[in-house]
C-alpha atoms as a PDB file:
ATOM      1  CA  MET A   1      60.591 178.715 164.581  1.00  0.00           C
ATOM      2  CA  SER A   2      57.314 176.756 164.729  1.00  0.00           C
ATOM      3  CA  GLU A   3      55.813 178.949 161.982  1.00  0.00           C
ATOM      4  CA  THR A   4      58.802 178.241 159.728  1.00  0.00           C
ATOM      5  CA  LEU A   5      58.468 174.509 160.298  1.00  0.00           C
ATOM      6  CA  HIS A   6      54.728 174.711 159.621  1.00  0.00           C
ATOM      7  CA  GLN A   7      55.248 176.406 156.240  1.00  0.00           C
ATOM      8  CA  SER A   8      58.127 174.190 155.103  1.00  0.00           C
ATOM      9  CA  PRO A   9      56.049 171.284 153.723  1.00  0.00           C
ATOM     10  CA  ARG A  10      53.905 173.705 151.738  1.00  0.00           C
ATOM     11  CA  SER A  11      56.949 175.450 150.277  1.00  0.00           C
ATOM     12  CA  THR A  12      58.442 172.095 149.379  1.00  0.00           C
ATOM     13  CA  ALA A  13      55.248 171.021 147.636  1.00  0.00           C
ATOM     14  CA  VAL A  14      55.090 174.271 145.655  1.00  0.00           C
ATOM     15  CA  ALA A  15      58.724 173.929 144.579  1.00  0.00           C
ATOM     16  CA  ALA A  16      58.144 170.321 143.556  1.00  0.00           C
ATOM     17  CA  GLY A  17      55.075 171.315 141.559  1.00  0.00           C
ATOM     18  CA  ARG A  18      57.006 174.034 139.722  1.00  0.00           C
ATOM     19  CA  GLY A  19      59.805 171.609 138.955  1.00  0.00           C
ATOM     20  CA  LEU A  20      57.343 169.057 137.599  1.00  0.00           C
ATOM     21  CA  ALA A  21      55.667 171.703 135.445  1.00  0.00           C
ATOM     22  CA  LYS A  22      59.004 172.813 133.993  1.00  0.00           C
ATOM     23  CA  ALA A  23      59.981 169.223 133.264  1.00  0.00           C
ATOM     24  CA  LEU A  24      56.631 168.659 131.504  1.00  0.00           C
ATOM     25  CA  VAL A  25      57.123 171.778 129.382  1.00  0.00           C
ATOM     26  CA  ARG A  26      60.614 170.635 128.378  1.00  0.00           C
ATOM     27  CA  PHE A  27      59.268 167.183 127.513  1.00  0.00           C
ATOM     28  CA  VAL A  28      56.492 168.611 125.304  1.00  0.00           C
ATOM     29  CA  ARG A  29      58.854 171.036 123.571  1.00  0.00           C
ATOM     30  CA  ALA A  30      61.334 168.279 122.784  1.00  0.00           C
ATOM     31  CA  ARG A  31      58.720 165.824 121.521  1.00  0.00           C
ATOM     32  CA  TRP A  32      55.797 167.943 120.341  1.00  0.00           C
ATOM     33  CA  GLN A  33      55.870 166.522 116.820  1.00  0.00           C
ATOM     34  CA  LEU A  34      55.741 162.948 118.080  1.00  0.00           C
ATOM     35  CA  LEU A  35      52.966 163.795 120.554  1.00  0.00           C
ATOM     36  CA  LEU A  36      50.956 165.527 117.829  1.00  0.00           C
ATOM     37  CA  LEU A  37      51.306 162.533 115.511  1.00  0.00           C
ATOM     38  CA  LEU A  38      50.393 160.207 118.355  1.00  0.00           C
ATOM     39  CA  PHE A  39      47.251 162.243 119.044  1.00  0.00           C
ATOM     40  CA  LEU A  40      46.209 162.640 115.406  1.00  0.00           C
ATOM     41  CA  GLY A  41      47.353 159.272 114.067  1.00  0.00           C
ATOM     42  CA  VAL A  42      46.526 156.971 116.973  1.00  0.00           C
ATOM     43  CA  GLY A  43      44.308 158.706 119.517  1.00  0.00           C
ATOM     44  CA  ILE A  44      41.648 160.212 117.251  1.00  0.00           C
ATOM     45  CA  PRO A  45      41.315 157.104 115.012  1.00  0.00           C
ATOM     46  CA  LEU A  46      40.898 154.895 118.075  1.00  0.00           C
ATOM     47  CA  VAL A  47      38.198 157.177 119.491  1.00  0.00           C
ATOM     48  CA  GLY A  48      36.439 157.205 116.122  1.00  0.00           C
ATOM     49  CA  PHE A  49      36.564 153.434 115.802  1.00  0.00           C
ATOM     50  CA  GLY A  50      35.280 153.014 119.352  1.00  0.00           C
ATOM     51  CA  ALA A  51      32.325 155.326 118.727  1.00  0.00           C
ATOM     52  CA  LEU A  52      31.377 153.520 115.510  1.00  0.00           C
ATOM     53  CA  ALA A  53      31.829 150.107 117.090  1.00  0.00           C
ATOM     54  CA  ASP A  54      29.537 151.054 119.962  1.00  0.00           C
ATOM     55  CA  ASP A  55      26.796 152.187 117.566  1.00  0.00           C
ATOM     56  CA  VAL A  56      27.164 149.060 115.421  1.00  0.00           C
ATOM     57  CA  TRP A  57      26.976 146.851 118.513  1.00  0.00           C
ATOM     58  CA  GLN A  58      23.660 148.376 119.548  1.00  0.00           C
ATOM     59  CA  THR A  59      22.034 148.704 116.119  1.00  0.00           C
ATOM     60  CA  THR A  60      21.126 146.413 113.236  1.00  0.00           C
ATOM     61  CA  GLY A  61      21.531 147.821 109.750  1.00  0.00           C
ATOM     62  CA  GLY A  62      22.988 151.211 108.957  1.00  0.00           C
ATOM     63  CA  ILE A  63      23.798 153.859 111.545  1.00  0.00           C
ATOM     64  CA  GLY A  64      23.418 157.608 111.171  1.00  0.00           C
ATOM     65  CA  PRO A  65      23.581 158.653 107.506  1.00  0.00           C
ATOM     66  CA  ASP A  66      24.691 155.216 106.252  1.00  0.00           C
ATOM     67  CA  ASP A  67      21.537 154.383 104.289  1.00  0.00           C
ATOM     68  CA  ALA A  68      21.110 157.920 102.944  1.00  0.00           C
ATOM     69  CA  ILE A  69      24.692 157.986 101.600  1.00  0.00           C
ATOM     70  CA  LEU A  70      24.312 154.575 100.001  1.00  0.00           C
ATOM     71  CA  ARG A  71      21.080 155.567  98.261  1.00  0.00           C
ATOM     72  CA  TYR A  72      22.560 158.871  97.071  1.00  0.00           C
ATOM     73  CA  VAL A  73      25.640 157.203  95.583  1.00  0.00           C
ATOM     74  CA  HIS A  74      23.591 154.452  93.966  1.00  0.00           C
ATOM     75  CA  GLY A  75      21.354 157.102  92.401  1.00  0.00           C
ATOM     76  CA  HIS A  76      24.310 158.213  90.282  1.00  0.00           C
ATOM     77  CA  ALA A  77      25.395 154.719  89.218  1.00  0.00           C
ATOM     78  CA  THR A  78      25.964 153.864  85.553  1.00  0.00           C
ATOM     79  CA  PRO A  79      27.199 150.686  83.817  1.00  0.00           C
ATOM     80  CA  GLY A  80      30.487 152.421  83.039  1.00  0.00           C
ATOM     81  CA  TRP A  81      31.073 153.434  86.638  1.00  0.00           C
ATOM     82  CA  ASP A  82      30.069 149.940  87.744  1.00  0.00           C
ATOM     83  CA  ALA A  83      32.973 148.519  85.734  1.00  0.00           C
ATOM     84  CA  VAL A  84      35.416 151.129  87.056  1.00  0.00           C
ATOM     85  CA  MET A  85      34.457 150.550  90.676  1.00  0.00           C
ATOM     86  CA  GLU A  86      34.588 146.778  90.302  1.00  0.00           C
ATOM     87  CA  PHE A  87      38.145 147.129  88.960  1.00  0.00           C
ATOM     88  CA  ILE A  88      39.186 149.442  91.813  1.00  0.00           C
ATOM     89  CA  SER A  89      37.652 147.034  94.300  1.00  0.00           C
ATOM     90  CA  LEU A  90      39.660 144.154  92.826  1.00  0.00           C
ATOM     91  CA  ILE A  91      43.002 145.988  92.970  1.00  0.00           C
ATOM     92  CA  GLY A  92      42.044 147.217  96.417  1.00  0.00           C
ATOM     93  CA  TYR A  93      42.499 143.715  97.747  1.00  0.00           C
ATOM     94  CA  ALA A  94      43.026 140.433  95.889  1.00  0.00           C
ATOM     95  CA  TYR A  95      44.718 141.746  92.734  1.00  0.00           C
ATOM     96  CA  GLY A  96      46.581 144.735  94.146  1.00  0.00           C
ATOM     97  CA  VAL A  97      47.056 145.026  97.880  1.00  0.00           C
ATOM     98  CA  VAL A  98      47.748 141.337  98.578  1.00  0.00           C
ATOM     99  CA  PRO A  99      50.404 140.925  95.829  1.00  0.00           C
ATOM    100  CA  MET A 100      51.994 144.238  96.879  1.00  0.00           C
ATOM    101  CA  VAL A 101      52.347 142.966 100.439  1.00  0.00           C
ATOM    102  CA  PHE A 102      54.422 140.015  99.274  1.00  0.00           C
ATOM    103  CA  VAL A 103      56.447 142.030  96.732  1.00  0.00           C
ATOM    104  CA  VAL A 104      57.538 144.568  99.351  1.00  0.00           C
ATOM    105  CA  LEU A 105      58.263 141.844 101.895  1.00  0.00           C
ATOM    106  CA  VAL A 106      60.516 139.958  99.454  1.00  0.00           C
ATOM    107  CA  ALA A 107      62.242 143.203  98.420  1.00  0.00           C
ATOM    108  CA  LEU A 108      63.029 144.060 102.050  1.00  0.00           C
ATOM    109  CA  LEU A 109      64.361 140.571 102.730  1.00  0.00           C
ATOM    110  CA  VAL A 110      66.539 140.635  99.602  1.00  0.00           C
ATOM    111  CA  ALA A 111      67.891 144.027 100.693  1.00  0.00           C
ATOM    112  CA  ARG A 112      68.718 142.475 104.100  1.00  0.00           C
ATOM    113  CA  LYS A 113      66.432 144.910 105.918  1.00  0.00           C
ATOM    114  CA  ARG A 114      65.116 142.249 108.244  1.00  0.00           C
ATOM    115  CA  GLY A 115      63.861 144.655 110.874  1.00  0.00           C
ATOM    116  CA  ASN A 116      61.808 146.570 108.336  1.00  0.00           C
ATOM    117  CA  ALA A 117      60.581 143.299 106.853  1.00  0.00           C
ATOM    118  CA  LEU A 118      59.388 142.218 110.300  1.00  0.00           C
ATOM    119  CA  PHE A 119      57.600 145.539 110.809  1.00  0.00           C
ATOM    120  CA  TRP A 120      55.971 145.211 107.379  1.00  0.00           C
ATOM    121  CA  ALA A 121      54.807 141.649 107.989  1.00  0.00           C
ATOM    122  CA  VAL A 122      53.380 142.405 111.431  1.00  0.00           C
ATOM    123  CA  ALA A 123      51.726 145.638 110.257  1.00  0.00           C
ATOM    124  CA  LEU A 124      49.918 144.044 107.321  1.00  0.00           C
ATOM    125  CA  GLY A 125      49.359 140.627 108.874  1.00  0.00           C
ATOM    126  CA  GLY A 126      48.145 142.175 112.113  1.00  0.00           C
ATOM    127  CA  ALA A 127      45.684 144.423 110.278  1.00  0.00           C
ATOM    128  CA  GLY A 128      44.253 141.371 108.527  1.00  0.00           C
ATOM    129  CA  ALA A 129      43.945 139.465 111.789  1.00  0.00           C
ATOM    130  CA  LEU A 130      42.290 142.423 113.520  1.00  0.00           C
ATOM    131  CA  ASN A 131      39.818 142.716 110.669  1.00  0.00           C
ATOM    132  CA  GLN A 132      38.784 139.082 110.916  1.00  0.00           C
ATOM    133  CA  ALA A 133      38.512 139.284 114.699  1.00  0.00           C
ATOM    134  CA  ALA A 134      36.309 142.382 114.479  1.00  0.00           C
ATOM    135  CA  LYS A 135      34.064 140.834 111.828  1.00  0.00           C
ATOM    136  CA  LEU A 136      33.496 137.747 113.972  1.00  0.00           C
ATOM    137  CA  THR A 137      32.874 139.911 117.035  1.00  0.00           C
ATOM    138  CA  PHE A 138      30.317 142.312 115.551  1.00  0.00           C
ATOM    139  CA  ARG A 139      28.794 139.995 112.894  1.00  0.00           C
ATOM    140  CA  ARG A 140      27.244 142.910 111.052  1.00  0.00           C
ATOM    141  CA  ALA A 141      25.233 141.947 107.981  1.00  0.00           C
ATOM    142  CA  ARG A 142      26.016 143.481 104.602  1.00  0.00           C
ATOM    143  CA  PRO A 143      23.756 146.234 103.222  1.00  0.00           C
ATOM    144  CA  GLU A 144      20.857 144.914 101.152  1.00  0.00           C
ATOM    145  CA  LEU A 145      19.447 148.098  99.636  1.00  0.00           C
ATOM    146  CA  TRP A 146      19.906 146.775  96.091  1.00  0.00           C
ATOM    147  CA  LEU A 147      21.385 143.795  94.260  1.00  0.00           C
ATOM    148  CA  SER A 148      25.115 144.517  93.935  1.00  0.00           C
ATOM    149  CA  SER A 149      27.042 143.728  90.761  1.00  0.00           C
ATOM    150  CA  ALA A 150      29.854 142.408  92.983  1.00  0.00           C
ATOM    151  CA  PRO A 151      28.078 140.780  95.948  1.00  0.00           C
ATOM    152  CA  GLU A 152      29.828 139.728  99.151  1.00  0.00           C
ATOM    153  CA  HIS A 153      28.665 137.149 101.688  1.00  0.00           C
ATOM    154  CA  THR A 154      30.939 137.656 104.687  1.00  0.00           C
ATOM    155  CA  TYR A 155      30.381 140.014 107.615  1.00  0.00           C
ATOM    156  CA  SER A 156      30.491 143.738 106.970  1.00  0.00           C
ATOM    157  CA  PHE A 157      32.124 145.569 109.902  1.00  0.00           C
ATOM    158  CA  PRO A 158      34.814 146.767 109.453  1.00  0.00           C
ATOM    159  CA  SER A 159      35.678 146.828 105.751  1.00  0.00           C
ATOM    160  CA  GLY A 160      38.573 144.498 104.933  1.00  0.00           C
ATOM    161  CA  HIS A 161      39.358 146.477 101.775  1.00  0.00           C
ATOM    162  CA  ALA A 162      39.539 149.702 103.776  1.00  0.00           C
ATOM    163  CA  MET A 163      41.737 148.159 106.460  1.00  0.00           C
ATOM    164  CA  GLY A 164      44.051 146.445 103.988  1.00  0.00           C
ATOM    165  CA  SER A 165      44.592 149.473 101.748  1.00  0.00           C
ATOM    166  CA  MET A 166      45.095 151.818 104.711  1.00  0.00           C
ATOM    167  CA  ALA A 167      47.538 149.433 106.406  1.00  0.00           C
ATOM    168  CA  LEU A 168      49.517 149.136 103.161  1.00  0.00           C
ATOM    169  CA  VAL A 169      49.741 152.896 102.633  1.00  0.00           C
ATOM    170  CA  ALA A 170      50.451 153.720 106.281  1.00  0.00           C
ATOM    171  CA  ALA A 171      53.230 151.116 106.490  1.00  0.00           C
ATOM    172  CA  LEU A 172      54.753 152.370 103.225  1.00  0.00           C
ATOM    173  CA  ALA A 173      54.679 155.925 104.582  1.00  0.00           C
ATOM    174  CA  VAL A 174      56.455 154.834 107.773  1.00  0.00           C
ATOM    175  CA  LEU A 175      59.186 153.044 105.815  1.00  0.00           C
ATOM    176  CA  ALA A 176      59.559 155.913 103.317  1.00  0.00           C
ATOM    177  CA  TRP A 177      59.407 158.708 105.894  1.00  0.00           C
ATOM    178  CA  PRO A 178      63.162 159.440 106.072  1.00  0.00           C
ATOM    179  CA  THR A 179      63.286 159.699 102.261  1.00  0.00           C
ATOM    180  CA  ARG A 180      61.881 162.083  99.661  1.00  0.00           C
ATOM    181  CA  TRP A 181      59.356 159.406  98.671  1.00  0.00           C
ATOM    182  CA  ARG A 182      57.294 159.852 101.816  1.00  0.00           C
ATOM    183  CA  TRP A 183      54.982 162.463 100.241  1.00  0.00           C
ATOM    184  CA  TRP A 184      54.398 160.245  97.208  1.00  0.00           C
ATOM    185  CA  ALA A 185      53.397 157.453  99.568  1.00  0.00           C
ATOM    186  CA  ILE A 186      51.054 159.734 101.487  1.00  0.00           C
ATOM    187  CA  VAL A 187      49.435 161.588  98.572  1.00  0.00           C
ATOM    188  CA  VAL A 188      49.207 158.810  95.979  1.00  0.00           C
ATOM    189  CA  GLY A 189      48.556 156.145  98.601  1.00  0.00           C
ATOM    190  CA  GLY A 190      45.937 158.285 100.300  1.00  0.00           C
ATOM    191  CA  ALA A 191      44.090 158.809  97.002  1.00  0.00           C
ATOM    192  CA  PHE A 192      44.200 155.067  96.353  1.00  0.00           C
ATOM    193  CA  THR A 193      42.817 154.320  99.810  1.00  0.00           C
ATOM    194  CA  LEU A 194      39.960 156.796  99.342  1.00  0.00           C
ATOM    195  CA  LEU A 195      39.069 155.279  95.963  1.00  0.00           C
ATOM    196  CA  VAL A 196      39.064 151.755  97.364  1.00  0.00           C
ATOM    197  CA  GLY A 197      36.801 152.782 100.236  1.00  0.00           C
ATOM    198  CA  PHE A 198      34.436 154.638  97.914  1.00  0.00           C
ATOM    199  CA  SER A 199      34.250 151.657  95.561  1.00  0.00           C
ATOM    200  CA  ARG A 200      32.931 149.484  98.389  1.00  0.00           C
ATOM    201  CA  VAL A 201      30.191 151.996  99.164  1.00  0.00           C
ATOM    202  CA  TYR A 202      29.370 152.477  95.465  1.00  0.00           C
ATOM    203  CA  LEU A 203      28.991 148.746  94.960  1.00  0.00           C
ATOM    204  CA  GLY A 204      26.666 148.570  97.963  1.00  0.00           C
ATOM    205  CA  VAL A 205      28.663 145.919  99.797  1.00  0.00           C
ATOM    206  CA  HIS A 206      29.650 148.103 102.743  1.00  0.00           C
ATOM    207  CA  TYR A 207      28.093 150.824 104.818  1.00  0.00           C
ATOM    208  CA  PRO A 208      30.143 154.054 104.935  1.00  0.00           C
ATOM    209  CA  SER A 209      30.664 153.417 108.658  1.00  0.00           C
ATOM    210  CA  ASP A 210      32.332 150.080 107.782  1.00  0.00           C
ATOM    211  CA  VAL A 211      34.854 151.926 105.622  1.00  0.00           C
ATOM    212  CA  VAL A 212      35.578 154.718 108.103  1.00  0.00           C
ATOM    213  CA  ALA A 213      36.005 152.179 110.898  1.00  0.00           C
ATOM    214  CA  GLY A 214      38.427 150.160 108.761  1.00  0.00           C
ATOM    215  CA  TRP A 215      40.527 153.234 107.992  1.00  0.00           C
ATOM    216  CA  SER A 216      40.583 154.279 111.641  1.00  0.00           C
ATOM    217  CA  ALA A 217      41.538 150.874 113.006  1.00  0.00           C
ATOM    218  CA  SER A 218      44.350 150.348 110.488  1.00  0.00           C
ATOM    219  CA  LEU A 219      45.834 153.818 110.902  1.00  0.00           C
ATOM    220  CA  ALA A 220      45.922 153.476 114.683  1.00  0.00           C
ATOM    221  CA  TRP A 221      47.370 149.958 114.447  1.00  0.00           C
ATOM    222  CA  VAL A 222      50.193 150.739 112.010  1.00  0.00           C
ATOM    223  CA  LEU A 223      51.268 154.042 113.553  1.00  0.00           C
ATOM    224  CA  GLY A 224      51.068 152.576 117.044  1.00  0.00           C
ATOM    225  CA  LEU A 225      53.145 149.610 115.896  1.00  0.00           C
ATOM    226  CA  SER A 226      55.764 151.955 114.444  1.00  0.00           C
ATOM    227  CA  LEU A 227      56.144 153.540 117.875  1.00  0.00           C
ATOM    228  CA  VAL A 228      56.733 150.121 119.391  1.00  0.00           C
ATOM    229  CA  ALA A 229      59.107 149.013 116.636  1.00  0.00           C
ATOM    230  CA  TYR A 230      61.099 152.190 116.106  1.00  0.00           C
ATOM    231  CA  GLY A 231      60.346 154.329 119.144  1.00  0.00           C
ATOM    232  CA  ARG A 232      58.957 157.079 116.943  1.00  0.00           C
ATOM    233  CA  ILE A 233      56.900 158.000 113.916  1.00  0.00           C
ATOM    234  CA  GLY A 234      58.930 159.902 111.379  1.00  0.00           C
ATOM    235  CA  LYS A 235      62.623 160.778 111.202  1.00  0.00           C
ATOM    236  CA  PRO A 236      65.029 158.531 113.088  1.00  0.00           C
ATOM    237  CA  ARG A 237      66.724 159.809 116.201  1.00  0.00           C
ATOM    238  CA  GLU A 238      70.300 160.937 115.932  1.00  0.00           C
ATOM    239  CA  ARG A 239      72.900 158.990 117.862  1.00  0.00           C
ATOM    240  CA  ALA A 240      75.835 160.608 119.592  1.00  0.00           C
ATOM    241  CA  THR A 241      78.592 158.401 118.155  1.00  0.00           C
ATOM    242  CA  PRO A 242      78.601 155.415 115.808  1.00  0.00           C
ATOM    243  CA  ALA A 243      80.603 153.440 118.362  1.00  0.00           C
ATOM    244  CA  ALA A 244      77.825 153.779 120.900  1.00  0.00           C
ATOM    245  CA  ALA A 245      75.255 152.392 118.537  1.00  0.00           C
ATOM    246  CA  GLY A 246      74.086 148.903 119.289  1.00  0.00           C
ATOM    247  CA  PRO A 247      71.821 146.722 117.165  1.00  0.00           C
ATOM    248  CA  ASP A 248      68.129 147.493 117.485  1.00  0.00           C
ATOM    249  CA  PRO A 249      65.495 144.781 117.704  1.00  0.00           C
ATOM    250  CA  VAL A 250      63.949 146.404 114.617  1.00  0.00           C
ATOM    251  CA  GLU A 251      66.079 148.529 112.322  1.00  0.00           C
ATOM    252  CA  PRO A 252      64.638 151.971 111.454  1.00  0.00           C
ATOM    253  CA  PRO A 253      63.675 152.698 107.868  1.00  0.00           C
ATOM    254  CA  ALA A 254      66.657 154.996 107.234  1.00  0.00           C
ATOM    255  CA  GLN A 255      70.206 153.831 106.793  1.00  0.00           C
ATOM    256  CA  ARG A 256      72.399 154.881 109.646  1.00  0.00           C
END
């Protein structure tokens, strides 16, 4: 009898451990896509931004291959490419991204998609606020390896063009995800974001690490915000019955 009582707590602990393991497996199987997106879209970008931010905090000037990449790109510069990159840089912020933010916001409000409009405004406005806060925190000087044809005089880290274009594309992808337009948003928007980031390096107004940090911070911010707003990234959850559906604080991108 005493031996049975002595072994009982151990058996209970083993059974509880097995139950917990089975519950964890069921949880992962049911939500593996969301967990994968959370890891790839939020976790890795945050780690990357943190690593870059730490190096920038401890170093003046470029870090790692920053200077070498800038010099290599500038070695292939031509007057024609200067004009192209200046144009891409302009539409990557003041003459493209900023107007697009307001156009989409007005379109969502006119369509009475107030929840999506709120998500859009917070995603893009928050990315802009985070960019300014980071610039004032790190106060990184701009590269000065040559005289740029489109000089900038604000702080360098992280790139505002990179953050703005990535936030725009990521938010569009979230809103378009339940539709067939999601791949257009990802592919075309991704190419646009890459071009904008490259233009800033080509023009010599940002280190490559500024651009990568901007992409990482915006991607983590927008995808993380979509989890808060919609409870997921991607397709909306199915509801059991329409009668049981109550109003959400933020409506999902798809019509229900």
